[in-house]
Amino acid sequence: MKGRVFSGARPTGRQHIGNYLGAIQNYVKLQQDYECIYCIVDVHALTTLEDTDKLQENIREMMHDWLAAGLDPQQSILFVQSHVPQVMELHTLLSMVTPLGWLTRVATFKEKARLQPENINYGLVGYPVLMTADIVLYKAETVPVGEDQLPHLEVAREIVRRFNNIFGPTFPEPQAKLTDAPIILGLDGVNKMSKSLNNEIELAASPEETRERVMGAFTDPERKYRSDPGHPEVCNVWRLHHHFTKNHDQVDVIAQECRDALRGCVECKEQLAEGINRDLAPFRERRAALAASPQYVEEVIADGARRAHAIATETLREVKERMGLI
């Protein structure tokens, strides 16, 4: 019997190559060995999002990218968090056993509170409890995370342990599955790729848009002229070649030619743009077909919610029985 994986992502709209290399391609691989449940967590987004006008659009755009990248609704459950409202009820029940001190010590809460001091809402404090509800509502044993997310998962494990100690064994303790996902820097070569920093390359961008974005990328900060020896180890464009230049020997050649001033930054970026466009061509073709079939995407979302709902209903019944509510 396959173990169950759960992972959720905030609806940020069209995904970029950092999202793909860092998470989505791992989601696709996990489908082979696990029963996977992947959720677009729209309620989580409300803790920091004040303008919800584009929320529904962002959900659909994100689902288009997931499906085009290879998430299979026949293999996995793909749904939107709020479409299975039992998660909010479980969140409330779990909050009854979660000490406030556990939540206020979480580093991400402190950071969010620093960034939005005028909007330190209850949802922001209770974010880890809702995240725990997301995972345990489906009794997922495994959660794929990067090392930076381990503290969040540990809070979930603490909540599960406390609940099980008080009411009896109900939930499995979710285990982290560490991913070897790289941190993908953006086109500025300094910060993690992010839409908010306008340093991203969207998966769904046209070949022309991709080339324009890549040609504007920062390269070796120490190299001023074409005749200067380069330093590929500090150049983010060269790092991206590792993902989009399939011949690794060629990546080494690019580095050596850069060091010997036989290859300029413009040539390096042109080759990277070609590699990205070549690799993403099948994805973009599938995505265009999905965009032309909005009814299919709606059916995928509805079917995912139906299947998730069936699991959630049974879990919530058990939780209420354990807590003496029924």
C-alpha atoms as a PDB file:
ATOM      1  CA  MET A   1       0.000   0.000   0.000  1.00  0.00           C
ATOM      2  CA  LYS A   2       1.359   3.397  -0.978  1.00  0.00           C
ATOM      3  CA  GLY A   3       1.993   5.982   1.711  1.00  0.00           C
ATOM      4  CA  ARG A   4       0.114   9.265   1.495  1.00  0.00           C
ATOM      5  CA  VAL A   5       1.757  12.597   0.700  1.00  0.00           C
ATOM      6  CA  PHE A   6       0.206  16.019   1.257  1.00  0.00           C
ATOM      7  CA  SER A   7       1.526  19.348   0.066  1.00  0.00           C
ATOM      8  CA  GLY A   8      -0.101  22.732  -0.324  1.00  0.00           C
ATOM      9  CA  ALA A   9       0.908  25.909  -2.130  1.00  0.00           C
ATOM     10  CA  ARG A  10      -0.456  29.426  -2.004  1.00  0.00           C
ATOM     11  CA  PRO A  11      -2.239  30.608  -5.176  1.00  0.00           C
ATOM     12  CA  THR A  12       0.367  32.896  -6.676  1.00  0.00           C
ATOM     13  CA  GLY A  13      -0.926  32.659 -10.241  1.00  0.00           C
ATOM     14  CA  ARG A  14       1.363  31.744 -13.094  1.00  0.00           C
ATOM     15  CA  GLN A  15       4.329  29.756 -11.858  1.00  0.00           C
ATOM     16  CA  HIS A  16       7.949  30.534 -12.693  1.00  0.00           C
ATOM     17  CA  ILE A  17      10.958  28.341 -13.287  1.00  0.00           C
ATOM     18  CA  GLY A  18      11.942  28.670  -9.632  1.00  0.00           C
ATOM     19  CA  ASN A  19       8.607  27.129  -8.612  1.00  0.00           C
ATOM     20  CA  TYR A  20       9.083  24.372 -11.159  1.00  0.00           C
ATOM     21  CA  LEU A  21      12.655  23.453 -10.274  1.00  0.00           C
ATOM     22  CA  GLY A  22      12.091  23.898  -6.555  1.00  0.00           C
ATOM     23  CA  ALA A  23       8.763  22.121  -6.063  1.00  0.00           C
ATOM     24  CA  ILE A  24       6.569  21.194  -9.018  1.00  0.00           C
ATOM     25  CA  GLN A  25       8.906  18.713 -10.668  1.00  0.00           C
ATOM     26  CA  ASN A  26       9.275  16.997  -7.290  1.00  0.00           C
ATOM     27  CA  TYR A  27       5.464  16.818  -6.981  1.00  0.00           C
ATOM     28  CA  VAL A  28       5.383  15.047 -10.334  1.00  0.00           C
ATOM     29  CA  LYS A  29       8.034  12.491  -9.333  1.00  0.00           C
ATOM     30  CA  LEU A  30       6.329  11.656  -6.037  1.00  0.00           C
ATOM     31  CA  GLN A  31       3.235  10.488  -7.908  1.00  0.00           C
ATOM     32  CA  GLN A  32       5.078   7.322  -8.902  1.00  0.00           C
ATOM     33  CA  ASP A  33       5.629   6.090  -5.339  1.00  0.00           C
ATOM     34  CA  TYR A  34       2.944   7.738  -3.202  1.00  0.00           C
ATOM     35  CA  GLU A  35      -0.746   8.501  -3.046  1.00  0.00           C
ATOM     36  CA  CYS A  36      -0.459  12.261  -3.483  1.00  0.00           C
ATOM     37  CA  ILE A  37      -2.821  15.020  -2.384  1.00  0.00           C
ATOM     38  CA  TYR A  38      -1.907  18.469  -3.679  1.00  0.00           C
ATOM     39  CA  CYS A  39      -3.845  21.522  -2.580  1.00  0.00           C
ATOM     40  CA  ILE A  40      -3.981  25.173  -3.600  1.00  0.00           C
ATOM     41  CA  VAL A  41      -4.311  26.808  -0.186  1.00  0.00           C
ATOM     42  CA  ASP A  42      -6.495  29.832  -0.870  1.00  0.00           C
ATOM     43  CA  VAL A  43      -7.516  30.369   2.762  1.00  0.00           C
ATOM     44  CA  HIS A  44      -3.877  30.573   3.827  1.00  0.00           C
ATOM     45  CA  ALA A  45      -3.402  33.318   1.256  1.00  0.00           C
ATOM     46  CA  LEU A  46      -5.908  35.537   3.069  1.00  0.00           C
ATOM     47  CA  THR A  47      -3.527  36.076   5.992  1.00  0.00           C
ATOM     48  CA  THR A  48      -1.442  38.454   3.904  1.00  0.00           C
ATOM     49  CA  LEU A  49      -3.649  39.174   0.891  1.00  0.00           C
ATOM     50  CA  GLU A  50      -5.964  42.159   1.099  1.00  0.00           C
ATOM     51  CA  ASP A  51      -6.907  42.447  -2.566  1.00  0.00           C
ATOM     52  CA  THR A  52      -8.752  39.267  -3.536  1.00  0.00           C
ATOM     53  CA  ASP A  53      -9.913  40.409  -6.968  1.00  0.00           C
ATOM     54  CA  LYS A  54      -7.431  38.106  -8.706  1.00  0.00           C
ATOM     55  CA  LEU A  55      -7.641  35.178  -6.308  1.00  0.00           C
ATOM     56  CA  GLN A  56      -9.815  32.996  -8.555  1.00  0.00           C
ATOM     57  CA  GLU A  57      -7.729  33.845 -11.606  1.00  0.00           C
ATOM     58  CA  ASN A  58      -4.547  32.964  -9.730  1.00  0.00           C
ATOM     59  CA  ILE A  59      -6.003  29.612  -8.660  1.00  0.00           C
ATOM     60  CA  ARG A  60      -6.844  28.662 -12.254  1.00  0.00           C
ATOM     61  CA  GLU A  61      -3.515  29.861 -13.628  1.00  0.00           C
ATOM     62  CA  MET A  62      -1.679  27.806 -11.016  1.00  0.00           C
ATOM     63  CA  MET A  63      -3.733  24.705 -11.748  1.00  0.00           C
ATOM     64  CA  HIS A  64      -3.001  25.115 -15.466  1.00  0.00           C
ATOM     65  CA  ASP A  65       0.716  25.075 -14.681  1.00  0.00           C
ATOM     66  CA  TRP A  66       0.432  22.073 -12.375  1.00  0.00           C
ATOM     67  CA  LEU A  67      -1.453  20.030 -14.947  1.00  0.00           C
ATOM     68  CA  ALA A  68       0.792  21.057 -17.828  1.00  0.00           C
ATOM     69  CA  ALA A  69       3.866  20.130 -15.769  1.00  0.00           C
ATOM     70  CA  GLY A  70       2.602  16.575 -15.291  1.00  0.00           C
ATOM     71  CA  LEU A  71       0.430  16.421 -12.188  1.00  0.00           C
ATOM     72  CA  ASP A  72      -2.087  13.747 -13.093  1.00  0.00           C
ATOM     73  CA  PRO A  73      -5.640  14.018 -11.681  1.00  0.00           C
ATOM     74  CA  GLN A  74      -6.021  10.269 -12.240  1.00  0.00           C
ATOM     75  CA  GLN A  75      -3.047   9.556  -9.970  1.00  0.00           C
ATOM     76  CA  SER A  76      -3.313  12.430  -7.497  1.00  0.00           C
ATOM     77  CA  ILE A  77      -6.018  14.459  -5.789  1.00  0.00           C
ATOM     78  CA  LEU A  78      -5.774  18.078  -6.943  1.00  0.00           C
ATOM     79  CA  PHE A  79      -8.108  20.558  -5.281  1.00  0.00           C
ATOM     80  CA  VAL A  80      -8.617  23.982  -3.719  1.00  0.00           C
ATOM     81  CA  GLN A  81      -8.436  24.228   0.069  1.00  0.00           C
ATOM     82  CA  SER A  82     -11.680  26.136   0.695  1.00  0.00           C
ATOM     83  CA  HIS A  83     -13.671  23.690  -1.456  1.00  0.00           C
ATOM     84  CA  VAL A  84     -13.356  21.189   1.409  1.00  0.00           C
ATOM     85  CA  PRO A  85     -14.590  23.294   4.363  1.00  0.00           C
ATOM     86  CA  GLN A  86     -13.993  20.528   6.909  1.00  0.00           C
ATOM     87  CA  VAL A  87     -10.434  21.858   7.132  1.00  0.00           C
ATOM     88  CA  MET A  88     -11.716  25.008   8.848  1.00  0.00           C
ATOM     89  CA  GLU A  89     -13.688  22.951  11.367  1.00  0.00           C
ATOM     90  CA  LEU A  90     -10.681  20.762  12.126  1.00  0.00           C
ATOM     91  CA  HIS A  91      -8.571  23.905  12.459  1.00  0.00           C
ATOM     92  CA  THR A  92     -10.918  25.109  15.203  1.00  0.00           C
ATOM     93  CA  LEU A  93     -10.813  21.766  17.026  1.00  0.00           C
ATOM     94  CA  LEU A  94      -7.019  21.561  16.854  1.00  0.00           C
ATOM     95  CA  SER A  95      -6.742  25.119  18.161  1.00  0.00           C
ATOM     96  CA  MET A  96      -8.268  23.887  21.434  1.00  0.00           C
ATOM     97  CA  VAL A  97      -5.155  21.815  22.169  1.00  0.00           C
ATOM     98  CA  THR A  98      -2.509  24.210  20.795  1.00  0.00           C
ATOM     99  CA  PRO A  99      -0.769  26.511  23.315  1.00  0.00           C
ATOM    100  CA  LEU A 100      -0.493  30.081  22.110  1.00  0.00           C
ATOM    101  CA  GLY A 101       3.203  30.147  22.964  1.00  0.00           C
ATOM    102  CA  TRP A 102       3.906  27.486  20.323  1.00  0.00           C
ATOM    103  CA  LEU A 103       2.484  29.780  17.661  1.00  0.00           C
ATOM    104  CA  THR A 104       4.035  33.093  18.639  1.00  0.00           C
ATOM    105  CA  ARG A 105       7.530  31.586  18.713  1.00  0.00           C
ATOM    106  CA  VAL A 106       7.350  30.506  15.054  1.00  0.00           C
ATOM    107  CA  ALA A 107       9.952  32.432  13.063  1.00  0.00           C
ATOM    108  CA  THR A 108       7.673  33.008  10.075  1.00  0.00           C
ATOM    109  CA  PHE A 109       5.026  34.597  12.315  1.00  0.00           C
ATOM    110  CA  LYS A 110       7.616  36.994  13.704  1.00  0.00           C
ATOM    111  CA  GLU A 111       8.783  37.862  10.194  1.00  0.00           C
ATOM    112  CA  LYS A 112       5.259  38.385   8.838  1.00  0.00           C
ATOM    113  CA  ALA A 113       4.389  40.517  11.862  1.00  0.00           C
ATOM    114  CA  ARG A 114       7.456  42.638  11.152  1.00  0.00           C
ATOM    115  CA  LEU A 115       6.504  43.054   7.505  1.00  0.00           C
ATOM    116  CA  GLN A 116       2.833  43.857   8.125  1.00  0.00           C
ATOM    117  CA  PRO A 117       2.626  45.452  11.603  1.00  0.00           C
ATOM    118  CA  GLU A 118      -0.781  46.935  10.777  1.00  0.00           C
ATOM    119  CA  ASN A 119      -2.265  43.526   9.959  1.00  0.00           C
ATOM    120  CA  ILE A 120      -1.224  41.018  12.631  1.00  0.00           C
ATOM    121  CA  ASN A 121      -4.456  39.075  12.343  1.00  0.00           C
ATOM    122  CA  TYR A 122      -5.604  35.926  14.128  1.00  0.00           C
ATOM    123  CA  GLY A 123      -5.172  33.914  10.936  1.00  0.00           C
ATOM    124  CA  LEU A 124      -1.499  34.887  10.858  1.00  0.00           C
ATOM    125  CA  VAL A 125      -0.969  33.603  14.394  1.00  0.00           C
ATOM    126  CA  GLY A 126      -3.010  30.451  13.758  1.00  0.00           C
ATOM    127  CA  TYR A 127      -1.411  29.704  10.402  1.00  0.00           C
ATOM    128  CA  PRO A 128       0.484  26.611  11.711  1.00  0.00           C
ATOM    129  CA  VAL A 129      -2.747  25.174  13.136  1.00  0.00           C
ATOM    130  CA  LEU A 130      -4.499  25.481   9.785  1.00  0.00           C
ATOM    131  CA  MET A 131      -1.435  23.991   8.110  1.00  0.00           C
ATOM    132  CA  THR A 132      -1.624  21.071  10.531  1.00  0.00           C
ATOM    133  CA  ALA A 133      -5.322  20.640   9.748  1.00  0.00           C
ATOM    134  CA  ASP A 134      -4.460  20.573   6.032  1.00  0.00           C
ATOM    135  CA  ILE A 135      -2.097  17.657   6.579  1.00  0.00           C
ATOM    136  CA  VAL A 136      -3.879  15.554   9.182  1.00  0.00           C
ATOM    137  CA  LEU A 137      -7.364  15.916   7.698  1.00  0.00           C
ATOM    138  CA  TYR A 138      -6.107  13.526   5.007  1.00  0.00           C
ATOM    139  CA  LYS A 139      -3.955  11.518   7.443  1.00  0.00           C
ATOM    140  CA  ALA A 140      -0.870  12.166   5.350  1.00  0.00           C
ATOM    141  CA  GLU A 141       2.250  10.451   6.647  1.00  0.00           C
ATOM    142  CA  THR A 142       4.695  12.370   4.480  1.00  0.00           C
ATOM    143  CA  VAL A 143       5.143  16.065   3.692  1.00  0.00           C
ATOM    144  CA  PRO A 144       7.778  17.117   1.135  1.00  0.00           C
ATOM    145  CA  VAL A 145       9.639  20.153   2.476  1.00  0.00           C
ATOM    146  CA  GLY A 146      12.896  21.993   2.158  1.00  0.00           C
ATOM    147  CA  GLU A 147      15.121  22.387   5.214  1.00  0.00           C
ATOM    148  CA  ASP A 148      13.846  25.933   5.770  1.00  0.00           C
ATOM    149  CA  GLN A 149      10.335  24.555   6.311  1.00  0.00           C
ATOM    150  CA  LEU A 150      11.250  21.954   8.940  1.00  0.00           C
ATOM    151  CA  PRO A 151      10.338  24.229  11.894  1.00  0.00           C
ATOM    152  CA  HIS A 152       6.785  24.589  10.535  1.00  0.00           C
ATOM    153  CA  LEU A 153       6.364  20.864  10.224  1.00  0.00           C
ATOM    154  CA  GLU A 154       7.693  20.348  13.743  1.00  0.00           C
ATOM    155  CA  VAL A 155       4.861  22.529  15.087  1.00  0.00           C
ATOM    156  CA  ALA A 156       2.418  20.253  13.252  1.00  0.00           C
ATOM    157  CA  ARG A 157       4.073  17.213  14.797  1.00  0.00           C
ATOM    158  CA  GLU A 158       3.811  18.770  18.271  1.00  0.00           C
ATOM    159  CA  ILE A 159       0.093  19.463  17.764  1.00  0.00           C
ATOM    160  CA  VAL A 160      -0.468  15.880  16.584  1.00  0.00           C
ATOM    161  CA  ARG A 161       1.405  14.450  19.560  1.00  0.00           C
ATOM    162  CA  ARG A 162      -0.587  16.580  22.006  1.00  0.00           C
ATOM    163  CA  PHE A 163      -3.919  15.649  20.408  1.00  0.00           C
ATOM    164  CA  ASN A 164      -3.060  11.952  20.365  1.00  0.00           C
ATOM    165  CA  ASN A 165      -1.913  12.057  23.996  1.00  0.00           C
ATOM    166  CA  ILE A 166      -5.153  13.682  25.141  1.00  0.00           C
ATOM    167  CA  PHE A 167      -7.717  11.886  22.989  1.00  0.00           C
ATOM    168  CA  GLY A 168      -5.988   8.696  21.913  1.00  0.00           C
ATOM    169  CA  PRO A 169      -4.146   7.737  18.708  1.00  0.00           C
ATOM    170  CA  THR A 170      -5.930   9.500  15.872  1.00  0.00           C
ATOM    171  CA  PHE A 171      -3.392  11.041  13.491  1.00  0.00           C
ATOM    172  CA  PRO A 172      -0.087   9.764  12.145  1.00  0.00           C
ATOM    173  CA  GLU A 173       2.832  12.052  12.956  1.00  0.00           C
ATOM    174  CA  PRO A 174       3.694  13.609   9.597  1.00  0.00           C
ATOM    175  CA  GLN A 175       7.254  12.946   8.555  1.00  0.00           C
ATOM    176  CA  ALA A 176       9.338  15.346   6.491  1.00  0.00           C
ATOM    177  CA  LYS A 177      10.568  14.180   3.132  1.00  0.00           C
ATOM    178  CA  LEU A 178      13.490  16.474   2.532  1.00  0.00           C
ATOM    179  CA  THR A 179      13.759  17.555  -1.050  1.00  0.00           C
ATOM    180  CA  ASP A 180      17.041  18.314  -2.756  1.00  0.00           C
ATOM    181  CA  ALA A 181      15.337  21.211  -4.493  1.00  0.00           C
ATOM    182  CA  PRO A 182      17.819  23.967  -5.259  1.00  0.00           C
ATOM    183  CA  ILE A 183      17.239  27.585  -4.313  1.00  0.00           C
ATOM    184  CA  ILE A 184      16.762  29.297  -7.661  1.00  0.00           C
ATOM    185  CA  LEU A 185      17.977  32.867  -7.706  1.00  0.00           C
ATOM    186  CA  GLY A 186      16.131  35.392  -9.818  1.00  0.00           C
ATOM    187  CA  LEU A 187      17.348  37.433 -12.736  1.00  0.00           C
ATOM    188  CA  ASP A 188      18.925  39.926 -10.338  1.00  0.00           C
ATOM    189  CA  GLY A 189      21.358  37.163  -9.344  1.00  0.00           C
ATOM    190  CA  VAL A 190      20.944  38.045  -5.660  1.00  0.00           C
ATOM    191  CA  ASN A 191      17.457  37.216  -4.395  1.00  0.00           C
ATOM    192  CA  LYS A 192      15.366  34.073  -4.644  1.00  0.00           C
ATOM    193  CA  MET A 193      13.235  34.085  -7.791  1.00  0.00           C
ATOM    194  CA  SER A 194       9.981  35.848  -6.951  1.00  0.00           C
ATOM    195  CA  LYS A 195       7.149  37.619  -8.721  1.00  0.00           C
ATOM    196  CA  SER A 196       7.082  40.294  -6.039  1.00  0.00           C
ATOM    197  CA  LEU A 197      10.686  41.175  -6.910  1.00  0.00           C
ATOM    198  CA  ASN A 198      10.029  41.067 -10.665  1.00  0.00           C
ATOM    199  CA  ASN A 199      13.053  38.809 -11.167  1.00  0.00           C
ATOM    200  CA  GLU A 200      11.255  35.727 -12.474  1.00  0.00           C
ATOM    201  CA  ILE A 201      10.778  33.873 -15.758  1.00  0.00           C
ATOM    202  CA  GLU A 202       7.259  32.497 -16.049  1.00  0.00           C
ATOM    203  CA  LEU A 203       6.867  28.939 -17.292  1.00  0.00           C
ATOM    204  CA  ALA A 204       4.091  30.116 -19.603  1.00  0.00           C
ATOM    205  CA  ALA A 205       6.022  33.058 -21.052  1.00  0.00           C
ATOM    206  CA  SER A 206       6.358  33.167 -24.818  1.00  0.00           C
ATOM    207  CA  PRO A 207       9.769  32.414 -26.370  1.00  0.00           C
ATOM    208  CA  GLU A 208      10.152  36.106 -27.121  1.00  0.00           C
ATOM    209  CA  GLU A 209       9.276  37.132 -23.564  1.00  0.00           C
ATOM    210  CA  THR A 210      11.651  34.522 -22.190  1.00  0.00           C
ATOM    211  CA  ARG A 211      14.518  35.744 -24.331  1.00  0.00           C
ATOM    212  CA  GLU A 212      13.857  39.357 -23.357  1.00  0.00           C
ATOM    213  CA  ARG A 213      13.842  38.461 -19.657  1.00  0.00           C
ATOM    214  CA  VAL A 214      17.027  36.402 -19.876  1.00  0.00           C
ATOM    215  CA  MET A 215      18.871  39.065 -21.863  1.00  0.00           C
ATOM    216  CA  GLY A 216      18.159  41.512 -19.038  1.00  0.00           C
ATOM    217  CA  ALA A 217      19.605  39.205 -16.383  1.00  0.00           C
ATOM    218  CA  PHE A 218      22.578  40.240 -14.275  1.00  0.00           C
ATOM    219  CA  THR A 219      25.686  38.149 -14.849  1.00  0.00           C
ATOM    220  CA  ASP A 220      29.242  38.315 -13.488  1.00  0.00           C
ATOM    221  CA  PRO A 221      29.437  41.571 -11.474  1.00  0.00           C
ATOM    222  CA  GLU A 222      33.230  41.650 -11.825  1.00  0.00           C
ATOM    223  CA  ARG A 223      33.297  41.389 -15.608  1.00  0.00           C
ATOM    224  CA  LYS A 224      33.049  44.739 -17.333  1.00  0.00           C
ATOM    225  CA  TYR A 225      34.262  44.004 -20.883  1.00  0.00           C
ATOM    226  CA  ARG A 226      33.989  41.099 -23.296  1.00  0.00           C
ATOM    227  CA  SER A 227      37.761  40.699 -23.171  1.00  0.00           C
ATOM    228  CA  ASP A 228      37.815  40.336 -19.367  1.00  0.00           C
ATOM    229  CA  PRO A 229      38.130  36.814 -17.912  1.00  0.00           C
ATOM    230  CA  GLY A 230      34.815  35.771 -16.372  1.00  0.00           C
ATOM    231  CA  HIS A 231      33.932  34.152 -13.063  1.00  0.00           C
ATOM    232  CA  PRO A 232      31.100  31.683 -13.783  1.00  0.00           C
ATOM    233  CA  GLU A 233      30.954  30.506 -10.173  1.00  0.00           C
ATOM    234  CA  VAL A 234      29.419  33.872  -9.172  1.00  0.00           C
ATOM    235  CA  CYS A 235      27.158  34.161 -12.233  1.00  0.00           C
ATOM    236  CA  ASN A 236      23.536  33.105 -11.848  1.00  0.00           C
ATOM    237  CA  VAL A 237      23.094  32.720 -15.609  1.00  0.00           C
ATOM    238  CA  TRP A 238      25.748  30.003 -15.549  1.00  0.00           C
ATOM    239  CA  ARG A 239      23.969  28.340 -12.597  1.00  0.00           C
ATOM    240  CA  LEU A 240      20.749  28.244 -14.601  1.00  0.00           C
ATOM    241  CA  HIS A 241      22.617  26.507 -17.427  1.00  0.00           C
ATOM    242  CA  HIS A 242      22.885  23.491 -15.106  1.00  0.00           C
ATOM    243  CA  HIS A 243      19.104  23.080 -15.360  1.00  0.00           C
ATOM    244  CA  PHE A 244      18.506  23.949 -18.995  1.00  0.00           C
ATOM    245  CA  THR A 245      21.671  22.853 -20.810  1.00  0.00           C
ATOM    246  CA  LYS A 246      21.200  19.092 -20.751  1.00  0.00           C
ATOM    247  CA  ASN A 247      24.737  18.234 -21.808  1.00  0.00           C
ATOM    248  CA  HIS A 248      26.686  18.740 -18.586  1.00  0.00           C
ATOM    249  CA  ASP A 249      29.965  18.636 -20.483  1.00  0.00           C
ATOM    250  CA  GLN A 250      28.729  21.665 -22.383  1.00  0.00           C
ATOM    251  CA  VAL A 251      28.087  23.473 -19.082  1.00  0.00           C
ATOM    252  CA  ASP A 252      31.748  22.911 -18.203  1.00  0.00           C
ATOM    253  CA  VAL A 253      32.775  24.182 -21.641  1.00  0.00           C
ATOM    254  CA  ILE A 254      30.708  27.337 -21.115  1.00  0.00           C
ATOM    255  CA  ALA A 255      32.452  27.916 -17.792  1.00  0.00           C
ATOM    256  CA  GLN A 256      35.943  27.447 -19.246  1.00  0.00           C
ATOM    257  CA  GLU A 257      35.272  29.664 -22.249  1.00  0.00           C
ATOM    258  CA  CYS A 258      33.939  32.307 -19.860  1.00  0.00           C
ATOM    259  CA  ARG A 259      37.093  32.142 -17.730  1.00  0.00           C
ATOM    260  CA  ASP A 260      39.259  32.364 -20.855  1.00  0.00           C
ATOM    261  CA  ALA A 261      37.250  35.321 -22.225  1.00  0.00           C
ATOM    262  CA  LEU A 262      36.305  33.236 -25.271  1.00  0.00           C
ATOM    263  CA  ARG A 263      32.597  33.612 -24.538  1.00  0.00           C
ATOM    264  CA  GLY A 264      30.815  36.812 -23.582  1.00  0.00           C
ATOM    265  CA  CYS A 265      27.845  37.292 -21.284  1.00  0.00           C
ATOM    266  CA  VAL A 266      25.528  38.056 -24.219  1.00  0.00           C
ATOM    267  CA  GLU A 267      26.340  34.719 -25.878  1.00  0.00           C
ATOM    268  CA  CYS A 268      25.897  32.921 -22.573  1.00  0.00           C
ATOM    269  CA  LYS A 269      22.447  34.456 -22.069  1.00  0.00           C
ATOM    270  CA  GLU A 270      21.385  33.754 -25.646  1.00  0.00           C
ATOM    271  CA  GLN A 271      22.247  30.085 -25.210  1.00  0.00           C
ATOM    272  CA  LEU A 272      20.365  29.934 -21.891  1.00  0.00           C
ATOM    273  CA  ALA A 273      17.252  31.474 -23.455  1.00  0.00           C
ATOM    274  CA  GLU A 274      17.394  28.886 -26.232  1.00  0.00           C
ATOM    275  CA  GLY A 275      17.708  26.095 -23.672  1.00  0.00           C
ATOM    276  CA  ILE A 276      14.775  27.308 -21.584  1.00  0.00           C
ATOM    277  CA  ASN A 277      12.552  27.713 -24.637  1.00  0.00           C
ATOM    278  CA  ARG A 278      13.511  24.281 -25.938  1.00  0.00           C
ATOM    279  CA  ASP A 279      12.865  22.535 -22.623  1.00  0.00           C
ATOM    280  CA  LEU A 280       9.591  24.308 -21.927  1.00  0.00           C
ATOM    281  CA  ALA A 281       8.130  23.963 -25.428  1.00  0.00           C
ATOM    282  CA  PRO A 282       6.158  20.744 -24.607  1.00  0.00           C
ATOM    283  CA  PHE A 283       4.923  22.266 -21.341  1.00  0.00           C
ATOM    284  CA  ARG A 284       3.748  25.403 -23.122  1.00  0.00           C
ATOM    285  CA  GLU A 285       1.944  23.381 -25.761  1.00  0.00           C
ATOM    286  CA  ARG A 286       0.074  21.390 -23.080  1.00  0.00           C
ATOM    287  CA  ARG A 287      -0.728  24.553 -21.164  1.00  0.00           C
ATOM    288  CA  ALA A 288      -2.182  26.260 -24.214  1.00  0.00           C
ATOM    289  CA  ALA A 289      -4.471  23.260 -24.731  1.00  0.00           C
ATOM    290  CA  LEU A 290      -5.619  23.458 -21.095  1.00  0.00           C
ATOM    291  CA  ALA A 291      -6.273  27.183 -21.366  1.00  0.00           C
ATOM    292  CA  ALA A 292      -8.463  26.422 -24.383  1.00  0.00           C
ATOM    293  CA  SER A 293     -10.441  23.852 -22.323  1.00  0.00           C
ATOM    294  CA  PRO A 294     -11.492  25.720 -19.157  1.00  0.00           C
ATOM    295  CA  GLN A 295     -14.313  23.267 -18.512  1.00  0.00           C
ATOM    296  CA  TYR A 296     -11.832  20.406 -18.155  1.00  0.00           C
ATOM    297  CA  VAL A 297      -9.848  22.318 -15.538  1.00  0.00           C
ATOM    298  CA  GLU A 298     -13.043  23.068 -13.603  1.00  0.00           C
ATOM    299  CA  GLU A 299     -13.903  19.361 -13.698  1.00  0.00           C
ATOM    300  CA  VAL A 300     -10.466  18.456 -12.349  1.00  0.00           C
ATOM    301  CA  ILE A 301     -10.887  20.913  -9.460  1.00  0.00           C
ATOM    302  CA  ALA A 302     -14.416  19.682  -8.695  1.00  0.00           C
ATOM    303  CA  ASP A 303     -13.430  16.016  -8.839  1.00  0.00           C
ATOM    304  CA  GLY A 304     -10.437  16.645  -6.596  1.00  0.00           C
ATOM    305  CA  ALA A 305     -12.677  18.380  -4.044  1.00  0.00           C
ATOM    306  CA  ARG A 306     -15.140  15.468  -4.157  1.00  0.00           C
ATOM    307  CA  ARG A 307     -12.427  12.885  -3.492  1.00  0.00           C
ATOM    308  CA  ALA A 308     -10.786  15.000  -0.785  1.00  0.00           C
ATOM    309  CA  HIS A 309     -14.206  15.610   0.798  1.00  0.00           C
ATOM    310  CA  ALA A 310     -14.780  11.862   1.209  1.00  0.00           C
ATOM    311  CA  ILE A 311     -11.520  11.455   3.165  1.00  0.00           C
ATOM    312  CA  ALA A 312     -12.121  14.628   5.185  1.00  0.00           C
ATOM    313  CA  THR A 313     -15.632  13.600   6.241  1.00  0.00           C
ATOM    314  CA  GLU A 314     -14.422  10.305   7.686  1.00  0.00           C
ATOM    315  CA  THR A 315     -11.495  11.932   9.514  1.00  0.00           C
ATOM    316  CA  LEU A 316     -13.663  14.643  11.047  1.00  0.00           C
ATOM    317  CA  ARG A 317     -16.206  12.074  12.230  1.00  0.00           C
ATOM    318  CA  GLU A 318     -13.424  10.190  14.004  1.00  0.00           C
ATOM    319  CA  VAL A 319     -12.024  13.392  15.558  1.00  0.00           C
ATOM    320  CA  LYS A 320     -15.436  14.384  16.912  1.00  0.00           C
ATOM    321  CA  GLU A 321     -15.940  10.947  18.380  1.00  0.00           C
ATOM    322  CA  ARG A 322     -12.537  11.122  20.092  1.00  0.00           C
ATOM    323  CA  MET A 323     -13.325  14.551  21.515  1.00  0.00           C
ATOM    324  CA  GLY A 324     -16.771  13.503  22.758  1.00  0.00           C
ATOM    325  CA  LEU A 325     -18.682  15.770  20.395  1.00  0.00           C
ATOM    326  CA  ILE A 326     -20.682  12.876  18.920  1.00  0.00           C
END
